[in-house]
Amino acid sequence: MLELKIGGVPEHFNLPWRLAIEEGLFEKENIFLQWIDYAGGTGSMTKALREKELDLAICLTEGIIADIVAGNGAKIVKIYVKSPLTWGLYVKNDSPLRQTADLENKRIGISRLGSGSHLMAFVKARELGWNTEQMQFVALKNLQGIRVGIAQKQADWFMWEKVMTQPYVDSGELRLIDTCVTPWSCFVLVVREDTLQKCLSGIQKIARIINGYVKGFKQRPHIVELLAERYQIDLENTAHWLHQTHWAIDNFVSPQMISQVQQTLLELKIIQQIKPYEQIVQVLD
């Protein structure tokens, strides 16, 4: 049996993987796929890929591309979630910061350098015309760490996926100031290059299984209730999110998207060069 480790954030986007594993779909193909939660997000998974603690990972598109350009020996094999990600900009509920303009030059809580919470702050700053060289970041490990950091005034504001953060707005802990939508597909499936070389047929099987699984995911009975229960999200917010979210059912990775992400990262000085498509993406048959 082929044994592989896959990582992803413990969030609603990844329920198809969790259910497919629980239902034994990979084991039927003689693949033992061990899921590992990474609350620290893409930054922690890029590190795990580099250190060979993971074989595969579900990463934010911009985060993994930046790390591949920086030398991570991994490749994107497919888009996982085609739709963009909606990020919220948050402050402590009693913060004197009231509007987006107030956040300029304030300390930004992030999970770690290279994470989506780090890179998307640059994207939002560029959109607003801020001087990105004056941005101040405080690494706080994960969403829980960021919430503590905001409460203890180690940081002034932060960005995180909107649906997962909504419960803390509803409870009165945080206040949503603005939103930012990624201009590209939000999640990709990434595989270490040495794993690809050794287990290409297994990776192709994994891609085929998850493509088939997500195809009917929205139509599963009681899926909204299951998502809401597992991830402690309000039913109405869950239904709205599910309607907006689209999973990829094929392995196509757009060269135009890879170029757009790299060009954005280059303009923000997050990467120093643009790599060819073939060095970032492994095309699966």
Protein backbone atom coordinates (compact mmCIF):
# COMPACT_ATOMS: atom_id res chain seq x y z
CA MET A 1 0.00 0.00 0.00
CA LEU A 2 1.24 3.47 -0.87
CA GLU A 3 1.48 5.58 2.30
CA LEU A 4 1.50 9.38 1.96
CA LYS A 5 0.99 12.34 4.30
CA ILE A 6 -1.17 15.29 3.25
CA GLY A 7 -1.58 18.57 5.12
CA GLY A 8 -4.22 21.27 5.10
CA VAL A 9 -5.80 23.91 7.27
CA PRO A 10 -8.51 22.61 9.66
CA GLU A 11 -11.18 24.59 7.83
CA HIS A 12 -14.37 24.02 5.89
CA PHE A 13 -12.69 24.07 2.44
CA ASN A 14 -11.03 20.76 3.24
CA LEU A 15 -14.05 18.76 4.35
CA PRO A 16 -14.11 16.87 0.99
CA TRP A 17 -10.64 15.48 1.75
CA ARG A 18 -11.60 14.53 5.29
CA LEU A 19 -14.77 12.75 4.21
CA ALA A 20 -13.12 10.97 1.27
CA ILE A 21 -10.46 9.64 3.66
CA GLU A 22 -13.04 8.67 6.29
CA GLU A 23 -15.11 6.86 3.66
CA GLY A 24 -12.07 4.83 2.59
CA LEU A 25 -12.01 5.99 -1.02
CA PHE A 26 -8.21 6.17 -1.18
CA GLU A 27 -7.70 2.85 0.60
CA LYS A 28 -9.86 1.21 -2.08
CA GLU A 29 -7.11 2.26 -4.50
CA ASN A 30 -4.43 0.84 -2.18
CA ILE A 31 -3.42 4.32 -0.94
CA PHE A 32 -3.17 5.14 2.76
CA LEU A 33 -3.51 8.94 2.91
CA GLN A 34 -2.83 10.39 6.36
CA TRP A 35 -4.38 13.82 6.90
CA ILE A 36 -2.52 16.27 9.16
CA ASP A 37 -4.07 19.57 10.27
CA TYR A 38 -1.90 22.69 9.96
CA ALA A 39 -3.54 25.50 11.91
CA GLY A 40 -0.54 27.68 11.05
CA GLY A 41 -1.67 27.71 7.43
CA THR A 42 0.33 27.75 4.22
CA GLY A 43 3.49 29.10 5.84
CA SER A 44 3.71 26.09 8.16
CA MET A 45 2.95 23.68 5.31
CA THR A 46 5.65 25.08 3.01
CA LYS A 47 8.10 24.49 5.86
CA ALA A 48 6.80 20.94 6.33
CA LEU A 49 7.16 20.23 2.60
CA ARG A 50 10.74 21.51 2.64
CA GLU A 51 11.56 19.35 5.66
CA LYS A 52 9.85 16.30 4.11
CA GLU A 53 7.30 16.04 6.89
CA LEU A 54 4.55 16.14 4.22
CA ASP A 55 4.23 14.60 0.77
CA LEU A 56 1.22 16.65 -0.33
CA ALA A 57 -0.46 19.82 0.89
CA ILE A 58 -3.48 21.99 0.18
CA CYS A 59 -1.92 25.46 0.07
CA LEU A 60 -2.98 28.98 -0.72
CA THR A 61 -2.00 29.68 -4.31
CA GLU A 62 0.04 32.82 -3.69
CA GLY A 63 1.84 31.35 -0.67
CA ILE A 64 3.07 28.18 -2.33
CA ILE A 65 4.05 29.92 -5.57
CA ALA A 66 6.17 32.39 -3.59
CA ASP A 67 7.86 29.51 -1.77
CA ILE A 68 8.44 27.44 -4.92
CA VAL A 69 10.12 30.45 -6.53
CA ALA A 70 12.22 30.73 -3.36
CA GLY A 71 13.42 27.14 -3.76
CA ASN A 72 10.79 24.81 -2.28
CA GLY A 73 11.15 21.48 -4.08
CA ALA A 74 7.46 21.01 -4.75
CA LYS A 75 5.06 21.49 -7.64
CA ILE A 76 1.41 22.36 -8.07
CA VAL A 77 -0.47 19.45 -9.65
CA LYS A 78 -4.02 20.83 -9.71
CA ILE A 79 -6.29 23.62 -8.60
CA TYR A 80 -8.29 22.47 -5.59
CA VAL A 81 -10.68 25.38 -5.03
CA LYS A 82 -11.30 27.36 -8.24
CA SER A 83 -13.16 30.25 -6.64
CA PRO A 84 -11.29 33.12 -4.96
CA LEU A 85 -10.92 33.50 -1.20
CA THR A 86 -12.62 36.30 0.69
CA TRP A 87 -10.41 37.73 3.43
CA GLY A 88 -11.63 40.00 6.19
CA LEU A 89 -9.62 42.78 7.81
CA TYR A 90 -10.18 42.62 11.58
CA VAL A 91 -9.47 44.64 14.71
CA LYS A 92 -10.38 44.13 18.35
CA ASN A 93 -13.99 45.17 18.85
CA ASP A 94 -13.08 48.11 21.10
CA SER A 95 -10.19 49.27 18.90
CA PRO A 96 -10.06 52.98 18.06
CA LEU A 97 -9.33 51.98 14.44
CA ARG A 98 -12.64 52.48 12.69
CA GLN A 99 -12.01 52.40 8.94
CA THR A 100 -9.57 50.93 6.44
CA ALA A 101 -7.48 54.10 6.17
CA ASP A 102 -6.79 53.92 9.91
CA LEU A 103 -4.92 50.63 9.45
CA GLU A 104 -2.08 52.11 7.39
CA ASN A 105 1.33 51.75 9.12
CA LYS A 106 -0.25 49.81 12.00
CA ARG A 107 1.10 46.44 13.21
CA ILE A 108 -0.35 43.47 11.33
CA GLY A 109 -0.79 40.10 13.03
CA ILE A 110 0.10 37.16 10.76
CA SER A 111 0.51 33.43 11.29
CA ARG A 112 4.05 33.41 9.90
CA LEU A 113 6.13 34.99 7.14
CA GLY A 114 5.11 33.63 3.76
CA SER A 115 1.60 32.72 4.92
CA GLY A 116 -1.57 33.91 3.23
CA SER A 117 -2.23 36.32 6.09
CA HIS A 118 1.18 37.86 5.34
CA LEU A 119 1.02 37.96 1.54
CA MET A 120 -2.59 39.12 1.27
CA ALA A 121 -1.81 42.08 3.53
CA PHE A 122 0.64 43.16 0.82
CA VAL A 123 -2.00 42.66 -1.88
CA LYS A 124 -4.51 44.77 0.06
CA ALA A 125 -1.91 47.45 0.78
CA ARG A 126 -1.05 47.70 -2.91
CA GLU A 127 -4.75 47.96 -3.76
CA LEU A 128 -5.01 50.88 -1.31
CA GLY A 129 -1.83 52.59 -2.53
CA TRP A 130 0.05 52.20 0.78
CA ASN A 131 3.83 52.15 1.06
CA THR A 132 4.46 48.42 1.51
CA GLU A 133 8.01 49.03 2.75
CA GLN A 134 6.60 50.57 5.94
CA MET A 135 4.40 47.59 6.81
CA GLN A 136 5.03 46.01 10.23
CA PHE A 137 4.31 42.32 10.79
CA VAL A 138 4.01 40.33 14.02
CA ALA A 139 4.19 36.52 13.59
CA LEU A 140 1.72 34.83 15.98
CA LYS A 141 1.58 31.20 14.71
CA ASN A 142 -2.12 30.72 13.87
CA LEU A 143 -5.59 32.25 14.20
CA GLN A 144 -5.74 31.49 17.92
CA GLY A 145 -2.33 33.12 18.44
CA ILE A 146 -3.36 36.15 16.40
CA ARG A 147 -6.55 36.58 18.43
CA VAL A 148 -4.51 36.49 21.64
CA GLY A 149 -2.00 38.92 20.15
CA ILE A 150 -4.74 41.34 19.13
CA ALA A 151 -6.31 41.11 22.62
CA GLN A 152 -2.92 41.77 24.25
CA LYS A 153 -2.16 44.64 21.82
CA GLN A 154 0.86 42.94 20.29
CA ALA A 155 -0.71 43.69 16.89
CA ASP A 156 -3.38 46.14 15.73
CA TRP A 157 -5.17 44.30 12.92
CA PHE A 158 -5.04 41.14 10.83
CA MET A 159 -6.48 39.39 7.81
CA TRP A 160 -8.10 35.94 7.79
CA GLU A 161 -10.65 33.95 5.81
CA LYS A 162 -14.00 35.60 6.41
CA VAL A 163 -16.29 32.66 7.19
CA MET A 164 -13.94 31.05 9.73
CA THR A 165 -13.54 34.38 11.52
CA GLN A 166 -17.24 35.28 11.58
CA PRO A 167 -17.96 33.53 14.93
CA TYR A 168 -15.53 35.91 16.67
CA VAL A 169 -17.29 38.88 15.12
CA ASP A 170 -20.67 37.50 16.20
CA SER A 171 -19.39 37.02 19.77
CA GLY A 172 -18.24 40.65 19.96
CA GLU A 173 -14.52 39.81 20.19
CA LEU A 174 -13.57 41.21 16.78
CA ARG A 175 -14.83 43.85 14.37
CA LEU A 176 -14.76 43.50 10.59
CA ILE A 177 -13.48 46.65 8.89
CA ASP A 178 -13.10 45.63 5.26
CA THR A 179 -12.77 42.66 2.91
CA CYS A 180 -10.37 41.64 0.16
CA VAL A 181 -11.00 39.02 -2.53
CA THR A 182 -8.04 37.19 -4.06
CA PRO A 183 -7.79 37.84 -7.82
CA TRP A 184 -7.10 34.13 -8.51
CA SER A 185 -8.17 30.61 -7.50
CA CYS A 186 -7.47 30.24 -3.81
CA PHE A 187 -6.28 26.67 -3.05
CA VAL A 188 -4.02 24.27 -4.95
CA LEU A 189 -2.81 20.72 -4.41
CA VAL A 190 0.98 20.64 -4.09
CA VAL A 191 3.29 17.61 -4.11
CA ARG A 192 6.99 17.32 -3.29
CA GLU A 193 9.02 16.72 -6.44
CA ASP A 194 10.69 13.58 -5.07
CA THR A 195 7.24 12.18 -4.21
CA LEU A 196 6.07 12.93 -7.75
CA GLN A 197 9.06 11.08 -9.19
CA LYS A 198 8.48 8.01 -7.03
CA CYS A 199 4.67 7.92 -6.89
CA LEU A 200 3.32 9.64 -10.02
CA SER A 201 0.63 7.03 -10.70
CA GLY A 202 -0.48 7.24 -7.05
CA ILE A 203 -0.73 11.03 -7.24
CA GLN A 204 -2.78 10.70 -10.43
CA LYS A 205 -5.16 8.33 -8.61
CA ILE A 206 -5.46 10.78 -5.68
CA ALA A 207 -6.30 13.64 -8.06
CA ARG A 208 -8.87 11.50 -9.86
CA ILE A 209 -10.55 10.49 -6.58
CA ILE A 210 -10.80 14.02 -5.18
CA ASN A 211 -12.01 15.38 -8.54
CA GLY A 212 -14.82 12.84 -8.54
CA TYR A 213 -15.65 13.48 -4.90
CA VAL A 214 -15.99 17.26 -5.12
CA LYS A 215 -18.09 16.99 -8.28
CA GLY A 216 -21.15 16.04 -6.24
CA PHE A 217 -20.12 17.52 -2.91
CA LYS A 218 -22.66 20.35 -2.83
CA GLN A 219 -25.51 17.94 -3.53
CA ARG A 220 -24.73 15.62 -0.62
CA PRO A 221 -27.64 15.30 1.84
CA HIS A 222 -27.39 17.62 4.85
CA ILE A 223 -23.97 18.93 3.75
CA VAL A 224 -24.69 22.47 5.00
CA GLU A 225 -25.56 21.15 8.45
CA LEU A 226 -22.48 18.92 8.51
CA LEU A 227 -20.16 21.80 7.56
CA ALA A 228 -21.75 24.09 10.14
CA GLU A 229 -21.49 21.48 12.90
CA ARG A 230 -17.90 20.42 12.18
CA TYR A 231 -16.50 23.92 11.88
CA GLN A 232 -18.80 25.77 14.29
CA ILE A 233 -20.13 28.13 11.63
CA ASP A 234 -23.59 29.71 11.49
CA LEU A 235 -25.92 27.82 9.12
CA GLU A 236 -26.78 30.88 7.04
CA ASN A 237 -23.12 31.84 6.61
CA THR A 238 -22.28 28.25 5.72
CA ALA A 239 -24.99 28.07 3.05
CA HIS A 240 -23.85 31.39 1.55
CA TRP A 241 -20.21 30.27 1.53
CA LEU A 242 -21.06 26.90 -0.05
CA HIS A 243 -23.02 28.61 -2.82
CA GLN A 244 -20.02 30.83 -3.65
CA THR A 245 -17.38 28.09 -3.48
CA HIS A 246 -16.41 26.03 -6.51
CA TRP A 247 -14.02 23.08 -6.40
CA ALA A 248 -12.03 22.10 -9.49
CA ILE A 249 -13.08 18.80 -11.07
CA ASP A 250 -10.05 18.49 -13.39
CA ASN A 251 -6.27 18.90 -13.18
CA PHE A 252 -5.91 21.99 -15.38
CA VAL A 253 -3.71 24.75 -13.96
CA SER A 254 -3.97 27.95 -15.97
CA PRO A 255 -0.61 29.36 -17.16
CA GLN A 256 -2.23 32.79 -17.10
CA MET A 257 -3.06 32.44 -13.41
CA ILE A 258 0.48 31.30 -12.55
CA SER A 259 1.82 34.30 -14.46
CA GLN A 260 -0.61 36.72 -12.77
CA VAL A 261 0.30 35.52 -9.28
CA GLN A 262 4.02 35.72 -9.98
CA GLN A 263 3.72 39.18 -11.51
CA THR A 264 1.84 40.41 -8.43
CA LEU A 265 4.42 38.90 -6.07
CA LEU A 266 7.24 40.42 -8.11
CA GLU A 267 5.68 43.88 -8.04
CA LEU A 268 5.34 43.58 -4.26
CA LYS A 269 9.01 42.47 -4.03
CA ILE A 270 7.96 39.22 -2.36
CA ILE A 271 9.80 37.28 -5.08
CA GLN A 272 12.88 38.43 -6.99
CA GLN A 273 12.29 36.58 -10.26
CA ILE A 274 9.61 34.87 -12.33
CA LYS A 275 9.99 31.16 -12.95
CA PRO A 276 8.69 29.29 -16.01
CA TYR A 277 5.34 27.53 -15.70
CA GLU A 278 7.05 24.12 -15.99
CA GLN A 279 9.12 24.78 -12.86
CA ILE A 280 6.00 25.51 -10.80
CA VAL A 281 3.40 23.10 -12.21
CA GLN A 282 3.52 19.36 -12.88
CA VAL A 283 0.93 18.49 -15.53
CA LEU A 284 -0.93 15.29 -14.63
CA ASP A 285 -2.27 13.09 -17.44
